[in-house]
Amino acid sequence: MSKIRKGDEVVVIAGSSKGHRGSVLEVKDGRVKVAGANKVTKHVRPNPQLGIEGGKVEQESFIDLSNVMIYNPETKKQDKIKIEVTETKDESGKVKFVRERVFKSTNKKVG
């Protein structure tokens, strides 16, 4: 279970976009793509069959997962996350383990 997921609001804590706050667009192989952060210019070749115009396109690039922290709206700062495992039983008496992401500073559930 990854501590940061798609849709979470994060703060970039290192790199050229340090201090930028945005939502996670994609998580892939220990890297995240944050909306509006780490912008790069990509040169795109035209493809008339797909209706793609050529030129320069500015888009977000991946940032290492260690360079972002989740944003805690309660404290209005970045925060660490811990995963709490709770044991519950369903109707048939079978034991189930539920994993939840929790802010370390406030012990409140994420999202």
PDB file of N, CA and C in Angstrom:
ATOM      1  N   MET A   1       0.847  -1.174   0.000  1.00  0.00           N
ATOM      2  CA  MET A   1       0.000   0.000   0.000  1.00  0.00           C
ATOM      3  C   MET A   1       0.893   1.238   0.000  1.00  0.00           C
ATOM      4  N   SER A   2       0.712   2.080  -0.992  1.00  0.00           N
ATOM      5  CA  SER A   2       1.484   3.308  -1.080  1.00  0.00           C
ATOM      6  C   SER A   2       0.893   4.358  -0.147  1.00  0.00           C
ATOM      7  N   LYS A   3       1.735   5.137   0.458  1.00  0.00           N
ATOM      8  CA  LYS A   3       1.259   6.158   1.375  1.00  0.00           C
ATOM      9  C   LYS A   3       0.673   7.351   0.636  1.00  0.00           C
ATOM     10  N   ILE A   4       1.101   7.573  -0.597  1.00  0.00           N
ATOM     11  CA  ILE A   4       0.562   8.659  -1.408  1.00  0.00           C
ATOM     12  C   ILE A   4      -0.124   8.043  -2.619  1.00  0.00           C
ATOM     13  N   ARG A   5      -1.354   8.496  -2.879  1.00  0.00           N
ATOM     14  CA  ARG A   5      -2.161   7.940  -3.969  1.00  0.00           C
ATOM     15  C   ARG A   5      -2.614   9.032  -4.920  1.00  0.00           C
ATOM     16  N   LYS A   6      -3.120   8.618  -6.054  1.00  0.00           N
ATOM     17  CA  LYS A   6      -3.662   9.535  -7.046  1.00  0.00           C
ATOM     18  C   LYS A   6      -4.813  10.328  -6.424  1.00  0.00           C
ATOM     19  N   GLY A   7      -4.796  11.643  -6.621  1.00  0.00           N
ATOM     20  CA  GLY A   7      -5.844  12.497  -6.085  1.00  0.00           C
ATOM     21  C   GLY A   7      -5.499  13.169  -4.774  1.00  0.00           C
ATOM     22  N   ASP A   8      -4.455  12.699  -4.085  1.00  0.00           N
ATOM     23  CA  ASP A   8      -4.033  13.324  -2.827  1.00  0.00           C
ATOM     24  C   ASP A   8      -3.440  14.702  -3.098  1.00  0.00           C
ATOM     25  N   GLU A   9      -3.580  15.605  -2.148  1.00  0.00           N
ATOM     26  CA  GLU A   9      -2.941  16.911  -2.265  1.00  0.00           C
ATOM     27  C   GLU A   9      -1.593  16.832  -1.550  1.00  0.00           C
ATOM     28  N   VAL A  10      -0.533  17.193  -2.267  1.00  0.00           N
ATOM     29  CA  VAL A  10       0.824  17.070  -1.732  1.00  0.00           C
ATOM     30  C   VAL A  10       1.570  18.392  -1.848  1.00  0.00           C
ATOM     31  N   VAL A  11       2.675  18.492  -1.096  1.00  0.00           N
ATOM     32  CA  VAL A  11       3.580  19.635  -1.145  1.00  0.00           C
ATOM     33  C   VAL A  11       4.935  19.109  -1.591  1.00  0.00           C
ATOM     34  N   VAL A  12       5.544  19.778  -2.581  1.00  0.00           N
ATOM     35  CA  VAL A  12       6.877  19.397  -3.047  1.00  0.00           C
ATOM     36  C   VAL A  12       7.884  19.976  -2.065  1.00  0.00           C
ATOM     37  N   ILE A  13       8.764  19.133  -1.500  1.00  0.00           N
ATOM     38  CA  ILE A  13       9.696  19.589  -0.467  1.00  0.00           C
ATOM     39  C   ILE A  13      11.139  19.692  -0.953  1.00  0.00           C
ATOM     40  N   ALA A  14      11.396  19.300  -2.204  1.00  0.00           N
ATOM     41  CA  ALA A  14      12.757  19.393  -2.739  1.00  0.00           C
ATOM     42  C   ALA A  14      12.702  19.535  -4.257  1.00  0.00           C
ATOM     43  N   GLY A  15      13.720  20.146  -4.808  1.00  0.00           N
ATOM     44  CA  GLY A  15      13.811  20.285  -6.250  1.00  0.00           C
ATOM     45  C   GLY A  15      13.449  21.684  -6.724  1.00  0.00           C
ATOM     46  N   SER A  16      13.319  21.836  -8.030  1.00  0.00           N
ATOM     47  CA  SER A  16      13.060  23.154  -8.614  1.00  0.00           C
ATOM     48  C   SER A  16      11.665  23.677  -8.295  1.00  0.00           C
ATOM     49  N   SER A  17      10.733  22.814  -7.982  1.00  0.00           N
ATOM     50  CA  SER A  17       9.363  23.213  -7.655  1.00  0.00           C
ATOM     51  C   SER A  17       9.107  23.200  -6.152  1.00  0.00           C
ATOM     52  N   LYS A  18      10.151  23.364  -5.357  1.00  0.00           N
ATOM     53  CA  LYS A  18      10.031  23.302  -3.896  1.00  0.00           C
ATOM     54  C   LYS A  18       8.987  24.305  -3.398  1.00  0.00           C
ATOM     55  N   GLY A  19       8.083  23.820  -2.525  1.00  0.00           N
ATOM     56  CA  GLY A  19       7.046  24.666  -1.965  1.00  0.00           C
ATOM     57  C   GLY A  19       5.737  24.637  -2.732  1.00  0.00           C
ATOM     58  N   HIS A  20       5.743  24.046  -3.925  1.00  0.00           N
ATOM     59  CA  HIS A  20       4.527  23.978  -4.742  1.00  0.00           C
ATOM     60  C   HIS A  20       3.550  22.968  -4.148  1.00  0.00           C
ATOM     61  N   ARG A  21       2.271  23.341  -4.147  1.00  0.00           N
ATOM     62  CA  ARG A  21       1.227  22.454  -3.641  1.00  0.00           C
ATOM     63  C   ARG A  21       0.282  22.117  -4.789  1.00  0.00           C
ATOM     64  N   GLY A  22      -0.022  20.836  -4.954  1.00  0.00           N
ATOM     65  CA  GLY A  22      -0.922  20.414  -6.017  1.00  0.00           C
ATOM     66  C   GLY A  22      -1.389  18.993  -5.802  1.00  0.00           C
ATOM     67  N   SER A  23      -2.309  18.568  -6.653  1.00  0.00           N
ATOM     68  CA  SER A  23      -2.833  17.211  -6.504  1.00  0.00           C
ATOM     69  C   SER A  23      -2.020  16.229  -7.336  1.00  0.00           C
ATOM     70  N   VAL A  24      -2.005  14.988  -6.901  1.00  0.00           N
ATOM     71  CA  VAL A  24      -1.243  13.941  -7.582  1.00  0.00           C
ATOM     72  C   VAL A  24      -2.043  13.472  -8.799  1.00  0.00           C
ATOM     73  N   LEU A  25      -1.405  13.527  -9.969  1.00  0.00           N
ATOM     74  CA  LEU A  25      -2.048  13.090 -11.207  1.00  0.00           C
ATOM     75  C   LEU A  25      -1.806  11.617 -11.478  1.00  0.00           C
ATOM     76  N   GLU A  26      -0.612  11.135 -11.095  1.00  0.00           N
ATOM     77  CA  GLU A  26      -0.230   9.756 -11.418  1.00  0.00           C
ATOM     78  C   GLU A  26       0.850   9.280 -10.455  1.00  0.00           C
ATOM     79  N   VAL A  27       0.793   8.017 -10.071  1.00  0.00           N
ATOM     80  CA  VAL A  27       1.827   7.389  -9.245  1.00  0.00           C
ATOM     81  C   VAL A  27       2.343   6.186 -10.017  1.00  0.00           C
ATOM     82  N   LYS A  28       3.681   6.110 -10.181  1.00  0.00           N
ATOM     83  CA  LYS A  28       4.247   5.040 -10.995  1.00  0.00           C
ATOM     84  C   LYS A  28       5.677   4.762 -10.559  1.00  0.00           C
ATOM     85  N   ASP A  29       5.960   3.541 -10.107  1.00  0.00           N
ATOM     86  CA  ASP A  29       7.313   3.086  -9.770  1.00  0.00           C
ATOM     87  C   ASP A  29       8.040   4.011  -8.793  1.00  0.00           C
ATOM     88  N   GLY A  30       7.391   4.403  -7.708  1.00  0.00           N
ATOM     89  CA  GLY A  30       8.037   5.233  -6.708  1.00  0.00           C
ATOM     90  C   GLY A  30       8.212   6.674  -7.123  1.00  0.00           C
ATOM     91  N   ARG A  31       7.472   7.112  -8.119  1.00  0.00           N
ATOM     92  CA  ARG A  31       7.525   8.486  -8.596  1.00  0.00           C
ATOM     93  C   ARG A  31       6.106   9.007  -8.742  1.00  0.00           C
ATOM     94  N   VAL A  32       5.941  10.312  -8.593  1.00  0.00           N
ATOM     95  CA  VAL A  32       4.616  10.916  -8.703  1.00  0.00           C
ATOM     96  C   VAL A  32       4.648  12.081  -9.684  1.00  0.00           C
ATOM     97  N   LYS A  33       3.498  12.344 -10.293  1.00  0.00           N
ATOM     98  CA  LYS A  33       3.328  13.486 -11.172  1.00  0.00           C
ATOM     99  C   LYS A  33       2.358  14.423 -10.467  1.00  0.00           C
ATOM    100  N   VAL A  34       2.827  15.642 -10.142  1.00  0.00           N
ATOM    101  CA  VAL A  34       2.023  16.615  -9.405  1.00  0.00           C
ATOM    102  C   VAL A  34       1.567  17.712 -10.362  1.00  0.00           C
ATOM    103  N   ALA A  35       0.291  18.076 -10.265  1.00  0.00           N
ATOM    104  CA  ALA A  35      -0.284  19.096 -11.156  1.00  0.00           C
ATOM    105  C   ALA A  35       0.435  20.432 -10.958  1.00  0.00           C
ATOM    106  N   GLY A  36       0.997  20.979 -12.041  1.00  0.00           N
ATOM    107  CA  GLY A  36       1.642  22.284 -12.017  1.00  0.00           C
ATOM    108  C   GLY A  36       3.074  22.296 -11.531  1.00  0.00           C
ATOM    109  N   ALA A  37       3.618  21.163 -11.120  1.00  0.00           N
ATOM    110  CA  ALA A  37       4.989  21.118 -10.596  1.00  0.00           C
ATOM    111  C   ALA A  37       5.907  20.389 -11.567  1.00  0.00           C
ATOM    112  N   ASN A  38       7.189  20.759 -11.545  1.00  0.00           N
ATOM    113  CA  ASN A  38       8.223  20.124 -12.364  1.00  0.00           C
ATOM    114  C   ASN A  38       7.846  20.122 -13.848  1.00  0.00           C
ATOM    115  N   LYS A  39       7.514  21.299 -14.363  1.00  0.00           N
ATOM    116  CA  LYS A  39       7.113  21.432 -15.770  1.00  0.00           C
ATOM    117  C   LYS A  39       8.323  21.291 -16.685  1.00  0.00           C
ATOM    118  N   VAL A  40       8.160  20.549 -17.773  1.00  0.00           N
ATOM    119  CA  VAL A  40       9.203  20.387 -18.781  1.00  0.00           C
ATOM    120  C   VAL A  40       8.611  20.672 -20.154  1.00  0.00           C
ATOM    121  N   THR A  41       9.466  21.060 -21.093  1.00  0.00           N
ATOM    122  CA  THR A  41       9.025  21.312 -22.457  1.00  0.00           C
ATOM    123  C   THR A  41       9.345  20.097 -23.309  1.00  0.00           C
ATOM    124  N   LYS A  42       8.328  19.556 -23.958  1.00  0.00           N
ATOM    125  CA  LYS A  42       8.515  18.390 -24.808  1.00  0.00           C
ATOM    126  C   LYS A  42       8.220  18.790 -26.256  1.00  0.00           C
ATOM    127  N   HIS A  43       9.087  18.367 -27.158  1.00  0.00           N
ATOM    128  CA  HIS A  43       8.889  18.640 -28.572  1.00  0.00           C
ATOM    129  C   HIS A  43       8.089  17.489 -29.168  1.00  0.00           C
ATOM    130  N   VAL A  44       6.930  17.808 -29.738  1.00  0.00           N
ATOM    131  CA  VAL A  44       6.023  16.790 -30.249  1.00  0.00           C
ATOM    132  C   VAL A  44       5.999  16.847 -31.771  1.00  0.00           C
ATOM    133  N   ARG A  45       6.096  15.692 -32.365  1.00  0.00           N
ATOM    134  CA  ARG A  45       6.058  15.573 -33.822  1.00  0.00           C
ATOM    135  C   ARG A  45       4.590  15.560 -34.272  1.00  0.00           C
ATOM    136  N   PRO A  46       4.261  16.213 -35.358  1.00  0.00           N
ATOM    137  CA  PRO A  46       2.863  16.203 -35.814  1.00  0.00           C
ATOM    138  C   PRO A  46       2.428  14.823 -36.310  1.00  0.00           C
ATOM    139  N   ASN A  47       1.185  14.474 -36.047  1.00  0.00           N
ATOM    140  CA  ASN A  47       0.615  13.220 -36.510  1.00  0.00           C
ATOM    141  C   ASN A  47      -0.803  13.494 -37.006  1.00  0.00           C
ATOM    142  N   PRO A  48      -0.968  13.712 -38.310  1.00  0.00           N
ATOM    143  CA  PRO A  48      -2.283  14.060 -38.852  1.00  0.00           C
ATOM    144  C   PRO A  48      -3.337  12.959 -38.653  1.00  0.00           C
ATOM    145  N   GLN A  49      -2.891  11.699 -38.608  1.00  0.00           N
ATOM    146  CA  GLN A  49      -3.847  10.599 -38.433  1.00  0.00           C
ATOM    147  C   GLN A  49      -4.524  10.655 -37.067  1.00  0.00           C
ATOM    148  N   LEU A  50      -3.788  11.076 -36.054  1.00  0.00           N
ATOM    149  CA  LEU A  50      -4.342  11.180 -34.705  1.00  0.00           C
ATOM    150  C   LEU A  50      -4.808  12.590 -34.380  1.00  0.00           C
ATOM    151  N   GLY A  51      -4.615  13.517 -35.317  1.00  0.00           N
ATOM    152  CA  GLY A  51      -5.040  14.896 -35.101  1.00  0.00           C
ATOM    153  C   GLY A  51      -4.140  15.659 -34.141  1.00  0.00           C
ATOM    154  N   ILE A  52      -2.861  15.248 -34.066  1.00  0.00           N
ATOM    155  CA  ILE A  52      -1.922  15.910 -33.168  1.00  0.00           C
ATOM    156  C   ILE A  52      -1.130  16.947 -33.949  1.00  0.00           C
ATOM    157  N   GLU A  53      -1.145  18.179 -33.447  1.00  0.00           N
ATOM    158  CA  GLU A  53      -0.360  19.237 -34.053  1.00  0.00           C
ATOM    159  C   GLU A  53       1.046  19.194 -33.481  1.00  0.00           C
ATOM    160  N   GLY A  54       2.034  19.469 -34.281  1.00  0.00           N
ATOM    161  CA  GLY A  54       3.406  19.452 -33.809  1.00  0.00           C
ATOM    162  C   GLY A  54       3.749  20.734 -33.081  1.00  0.00           C
ATOM    163  N   GLY A  55       4.878  20.720 -32.364  1.00  0.00           N
ATOM    164  CA  GLY A  55       5.338  21.919 -31.669  1.00  0.00           C
ATOM    165  C   GLY A  55       5.850  21.597 -30.285  1.00  0.00           C
ATOM    166  N   LYS A  56       5.950  22.653 -29.486  1.00  0.00           N
ATOM    167  CA  LYS A  56       6.432  22.499 -28.114  1.00  0.00           C
ATOM    168  C   LYS A  56       5.232  22.389 -27.182  1.00  0.00           C
ATOM    169  N   VAL A  57       5.272  21.389 -26.308  1.00  0.00           N
ATOM    170  CA  VAL A  57       4.201  21.174 -25.339  1.00  0.00           C
ATOM    171  C   VAL A  57       4.817  21.211 -23.944  1.00  0.00           C
ATOM    172  N   GLU A  58       4.211  21.999 -23.058  1.00  0.00           N
ATOM    173  CA  GLU A  58       4.680  22.044 -21.673  1.00  0.00           C
ATOM    174  C   GLU A  58       3.832  21.090 -20.851  1.00  0.00           C
ATOM    175  N   GLN A  59       4.507  20.185 -20.126  1.00  0.00           N
ATOM    176  CA  GLN A  59       3.773  19.199 -19.339  1.00  0.00           C
ATOM    177  C   GLN A  59       4.521  18.894 -18.043  1.00  0.00           C
ATOM    178  N   GLU A  60       3.799  18.252 -17.100  1.00  0.00           N
ATOM    179  CA  GLU A  60       4.410  17.880 -15.830  1.00  0.00           C
ATOM    180  C   GLU A  60       5.275  16.638 -16.021  1.00  0.00           C
ATOM    181  N   SER A  61       6.354  16.588 -15.260  1.00  0.00           N
ATOM    182  CA  SER A  61       7.228  15.428 -15.275  1.00  0.00           C
ATOM    183  C   SER A  61       7.171  14.767 -13.903  1.00  0.00           C
ATOM    184  N   PHE A  62       7.674  13.547 -13.813  1.00  0.00           N
ATOM    185  CA  PHE A  62       7.629  12.806 -12.561  1.00  0.00           C
ATOM    186  C   PHE A  62       8.626  13.364 -11.541  1.00  0.00           C
ATOM    187  N   ILE A  63       8.250  13.281 -10.263  1.00  0.00           N
ATOM    188  CA  ILE A  63       9.085  13.670  -9.136  1.00  0.00           C
ATOM    189  C   ILE A  63       9.219  12.435  -8.260  1.00  0.00           C
ATOM    190  N   ASP A  64      10.388  12.241  -7.661  1.00  0.00           N
ATOM    191  CA  ASP A  64      10.576  11.099  -6.775  1.00  0.00           C
ATOM    192  C   ASP A  64       9.647  11.204  -5.569  1.00  0.00           C
ATOM    193  N   LEU A  65       9.138  10.078  -5.139  1.00  0.00           N
ATOM    194  CA  LEU A  65       8.182  10.015  -4.038  1.00  0.00           C
ATOM    195  C   LEU A  65       8.740  10.598  -2.741  1.00  0.00           C
ATOM    196  N   SER A  66      10.069  10.518  -2.566  1.00  0.00           N
ATOM    197  CA  SER A  66      10.692  11.043  -1.351  1.00  0.00           C
ATOM    198  C   SER A  66      10.724  12.567  -1.335  1.00  0.00           C
ATOM    199  N   ASN A  67      10.448  13.207  -2.460  1.00  0.00           N
ATOM    200  CA  ASN A  67      10.497  14.667  -2.546  1.00  0.00           C
ATOM    201  C   ASN A  67       9.132  15.327  -2.388  1.00  0.00           C
ATOM    202  N   VAL A  68       8.112  14.552  -2.015  1.00  0.00           N
ATOM    203  CA  VAL A  68       6.798  15.121  -1.756  1.00  0.00           C
ATOM    204  C   VAL A  68       6.274  14.623  -0.408  1.00  0.00           C
ATOM    205  N   MET A  69       5.458  15.464   0.235  1.00  0.00           N
ATOM    206  CA  MET A  69       4.786  15.088   1.476  1.00  0.00           C
ATOM    207  C   MET A  69       3.318  15.452   1.328  1.00  0.00           C
ATOM    208  N   ILE A  70       2.457  14.684   1.964  1.00  0.00           N
ATOM    209  CA  ILE A  70       1.028  14.930   1.870  1.00  0.00           C
ATOM    210  C   ILE A  70       0.672  16.198   2.641  1.00  0.00           C
ATOM    211  N   TYR A  71      -0.322  16.935   2.142  1.00  0.00           N
ATOM    212  CA  TYR A  71      -0.767  18.177   2.758  1.00  0.00           C
ATOM    213  C   TYR A  71      -1.885  17.879   3.746  1.00  0.00           C
ATOM    214  N   ASN A  72      -1.744  18.391   4.968  1.00  0.00           N
ATOM    215  CA  ASN A  72      -2.754  18.209   6.002  1.00  0.00           C
ATOM    216  C   ASN A  72      -3.579  19.494   6.084  1.00  0.00           C
ATOM    217  N   PRO A  73      -4.857  19.472   5.653  1.00  0.00           N
ATOM    218  CA  PRO A  73      -5.661  20.698   5.657  1.00  0.00           C
ATOM    219  C   PRO A  73      -5.971  21.211   7.063  1.00  0.00           C
ATOM    220  N   GLU A  74      -5.889  20.347   8.058  1.00  0.00           N
ATOM    221  CA  GLU A  74      -6.187  20.758   9.430  1.00  0.00           C
ATOM    222  C   GLU A  74      -5.081  21.650   9.999  1.00  0.00           C
ATOM    223  N   THR A  75      -3.817  21.263   9.773  1.00  0.00           N
ATOM    224  CA  THR A  75      -2.691  22.051  10.277  1.00  0.00           C
ATOM    225  C   THR A  75      -2.167  23.028   9.231  1.00  0.00           C
ATOM    226  N   LYS A  76      -2.645  22.909   7.992  1.00  0.00           N
ATOM    227  CA  LYS A  76      -2.222  23.729   6.854  1.00  0.00           C
ATOM    228  C   LYS A  76      -0.719  23.633   6.589  1.00  0.00           C
ATOM    229  N   LYS A  77      -0.169  22.427   6.808  1.00  0.00           N
ATOM    230  CA  LYS A  77       1.247  22.141   6.556  1.00  0.00           C
ATOM    231  C   LYS A  77       1.366  20.749   5.951  1.00  0.00           C
ATOM    232  N   GLN A  78       2.585  20.423   5.493  1.00  0.00           N
ATOM    233  CA  GLN A  78       2.832  19.056   5.065  1.00  0.00           C
ATOM    234  C   GLN A  78       2.930  18.162   6.287  1.00  0.00           C
ATOM    235  N   ASP A  79       2.682  16.879   6.092  1.00  0.00           N
ATOM    236  CA  ASP A  79       2.627  15.963   7.218  1.00  0.00           C
ATOM    237  C   ASP A  79       3.098  14.586   6.784  1.00  0.00           C
ATOM    238  N   LYS A  80       3.465  13.766   7.775  1.00  0.00           N
ATOM    239  CA  LYS A  80       3.817  12.377   7.515  1.00  0.00           C
ATOM    240  C   LYS A  80       2.572  11.514   7.676  1.00  0.00           C
ATOM    241  N   ILE A  81       2.625  10.315   7.099  1.00  0.00           N
ATOM    242  CA  ILE A  81       1.505   9.380   7.162  1.00  0.00           C
ATOM    243  C   ILE A  81       1.972   8.088   7.796  1.00  0.00           C
ATOM    244  N   LYS A  82       1.108   7.504   8.610  1.00  0.00           N
ATOM    245  CA  LYS A  82       1.366   6.155   9.103  1.00  0.00           C
ATOM    246  C   LYS A  82       0.179   5.294   8.703  1.00  0.00           C
ATOM    247  N   ILE A  83       0.404   4.001   8.608  1.00  0.00           N
ATOM    248  CA  ILE A  83      -0.661   3.070   8.235  1.00  0.00           C
ATOM    249  C   ILE A  83      -1.049   2.280   9.474  1.00  0.00           C
ATOM    250  N   GLU A  84      -2.301   2.431   9.876  1.00  0.00           N
ATOM    251  CA  GLU A  84      -2.813   1.714  11.044  1.00  0.00           C
ATOM    252  C   GLU A  84      -3.595   0.497  10.583  1.00  0.00           C
ATOM    253  N   VAL A  85      -3.333  -0.629  11.226  1.00  0.00           N
ATOM    254  CA  VAL A  85      -4.028  -1.871  10.902  1.00  0.00           C
ATOM    255  C   VAL A  85      -4.987  -2.172  12.046  1.00  0.00           C
ATOM    256  N   THR A  86      -6.283  -2.282  11.715  1.00  0.00           N
ATOM    257  CA  THR A  86      -7.276  -2.612  12.737  1.00  0.00           C
ATOM    258  C   THR A  86      -7.897  -3.962  12.397  1.00  0.00           C
ATOM    259  N   GLU A  87      -8.231  -4.695  13.424  1.00  0.00           N
ATOM    260  CA  GLU A  87      -8.790  -6.035  13.254  1.00  0.00           C
ATOM    261  C   GLU A  87     -10.296  -5.968  13.489  1.00  0.00           C
ATOM    262  N   THR A  88     -11.075  -6.468  12.512  1.00  0.00           N
ATOM    263  CA  THR A  88     -12.532  -6.503  12.646  1.00  0.00           C
ATOM    264  C   THR A  88     -13.036  -7.885  12.274  1.00  0.00           C
ATOM    265  N   LYS A  89     -14.265  -8.167  12.682  1.00  0.00           N
ATOM    266  CA  LYS A  89     -14.895  -9.435  12.325  1.00  0.00           C
ATOM    267  C   LYS A  89     -16.153  -9.151  11.510  1.00  0.00           C
ATOM    268  N   ASP A  90     -16.356  -9.954  10.458  1.00  0.00           N
ATOM    269  CA  ASP A  90     -17.570  -9.798   9.662  1.00  0.00           C
ATOM    270  C   ASP A  90     -18.683 -10.694  10.207  1.00  0.00           C
ATOM    271  N   GLU A  91     -19.816 -10.773   9.483  1.00  0.00           N
ATOM    272  CA  GLU A  91     -20.992 -11.519   9.964  1.00  0.00           C
ATOM    273  C   GLU A  91     -20.700 -12.986  10.231  1.00  0.00           C
ATOM    274  N   SER A  92     -19.851 -13.588   9.414  1.00  0.00           N
ATOM    275  CA  SER A  92     -19.550 -15.011   9.565  1.00  0.00           C
ATOM    276  C   SER A  92     -18.509 -15.284  10.656  1.00  0.00           C
ATOM    277  N   GLY A  93     -17.993 -14.235  11.289  1.00  0.00           N
ATOM    278  CA  GLY A  93     -17.006 -14.406  12.345  1.00  0.00           C
ATOM    279  C   GLY A  93     -15.577 -14.456  11.841  1.00  0.00           C
ATOM    280  N   LYS A  94     -15.392 -14.242  10.554  1.00  0.00           N
ATOM    281  CA  LYS A  94     -14.057 -14.255   9.959  1.00  0.00           C
ATOM    282  C   LYS A  94     -13.317 -12.957  10.305  1.00  0.00           C
ATOM    283  N   VAL A  95     -12.066 -13.097  10.707  1.00  0.00           N
ATOM    284  CA  VAL A  95     -11.262 -11.936  11.090  1.00  0.00           C
ATOM    285  C   VAL A  95     -10.759 -11.239   9.834  1.00  0.00           C
ATOM    286  N   LYS A  96     -10.924  -9.910   9.799  1.00  0.00           N
ATOM    287  CA  LYS A  96     -10.500  -9.102   8.672  1.00  0.00           C
ATOM    288  C   LYS A  96      -9.580  -7.998   9.173  1.00  0.00           C
ATOM    289  N   PHE A  97      -8.528  -7.714   8.424  1.00  0.00           N
ATOM    290  CA  PHE A  97      -7.619  -6.635   8.777  1.00  0.00           C
ATOM    291  C   PHE A  97      -7.852  -5.462   7.839  1.00  0.00           C
ATOM    292  N   VAL A  98      -8.099  -4.297   8.421  1.00  0.00           N
ATOM    293  CA  VAL A  98      -8.354  -3.085   7.646  1.00  0.00           C
ATOM    294  C   VAL A  98      -7.171  -2.148   7.824  1.00  0.00           C
ATOM    295  N   ARG A  99      -6.594  -1.715   6.702  1.00  0.00           N
ATOM    296  CA  ARG A  99      -5.463  -0.802   6.728  1.00  0.00           C
ATOM    297  C   ARG A  99      -5.939   0.590   6.346  1.00  0.00           C
ATOM    298  N   GLU A 100      -5.614   1.584   7.176  1.00  0.00           N
ATOM    299  CA  GLU A 100      -6.021   2.961   6.923  1.00  0.00           C
ATOM    300  C   GLU A 100      -4.823   3.888   7.017  1.00  0.00           C
ATOM    301  N   ARG A 101      -4.812   4.916   6.168  1.00  0.00           N
ATOM    302  CA  ARG A 101      -3.767   5.930   6.217  1.00  0.00           C
ATOM    303  C   ARG A 101      -4.187   7.006   7.216  1.00  0.00           C
ATOM    304  N   VAL A 102      -3.260   7.381   8.100  1.00  0.00           N
ATOM    305  CA  VAL A 102      -3.557   8.322   9.174  1.00  0.00           C
ATOM    306  C   VAL A 102      -2.440   9.362   9.241  1.00  0.00           C
ATOM    307  N   PHE A 103      -2.815  10.652   9.451  1.00  0.00           N
ATOM    308  CA  PHE A 103      -1.810  11.695   9.654  1.00  0.00           C
ATOM    309  C   PHE A 103      -1.113  11.465  10.986  1.00  0.00           C
ATOM    310  N   LYS A 104       0.213  11.593  11.009  1.00  0.00           N
ATOM    311  CA  LYS A 104       0.961  11.352  12.244  1.00  0.00           C
ATOM    312  C   LYS A 104       0.719  12.438  13.294  1.00  0.00           C
ATOM    313  N   SER A 105       0.559  13.692  12.862  1.00  0.00           N
ATOM    314  CA  SER A 105       0.451  14.779  13.836  1.00  0.00           C
ATOM    315  C   SER A 105      -0.915  14.839  14.515  1.00  0.00           C
ATOM    316  N   THR A 106      -1.983  14.493  13.781  1.00  0.00           N
ATOM    317  CA  THR A 106      -3.332  14.641  14.340  1.00  0.00           C
ATOM    318  C   THR A 106      -4.068  13.322  14.567  1.00  0.00           C
ATOM    319  N   ASN A 107      -3.512  12.214  14.095  1.00  0.00           N
ATOM    320  CA  ASN A 107      -4.143  10.893  14.178  1.00  0.00           C
ATOM    321  C   ASN A 107      -5.535  10.846  13.543  1.00  0.00           C
ATOM    322  N   LYS A 108      -5.757  11.666  12.522  1.00  0.00           N
ATOM    323  CA  LYS A 108      -7.024  11.665  11.790  1.00  0.00           C
ATOM    324  C   LYS A 108      -6.829  10.942  10.464  1.00  0.00           C
ATOM    325  N   LYS A 109      -7.889  10.325   9.974  1.00  0.00           N
ATOM    326  CA  LYS A 109      -7.856   9.565   8.731  1.00  0.00           C
ATOM    327  C   LYS A 109      -7.605  10.493   7.530  1.00  0.00           C
ATOM    328  N   VAL A 110      -6.843  10.022   6.561  1.00  0.00           N
ATOM    329  CA  VAL A 110      -6.561  10.788   5.353  1.00  0.00           C
ATOM    330  C   VAL A 110      -7.735  10.639   4.403  1.00  0.00           C
ATOM    331  N   GLY A 111      -8.207  11.772   3.890  1.00  0.00           N
ATOM    332  CA  GLY A 111      -9.261  11.782   2.874  1.00  0.00           C
ATOM    333  C   GLY A 111     -10.528  11.269   3.384  1.00  0.00           C
TER     334      GLY A 111
END
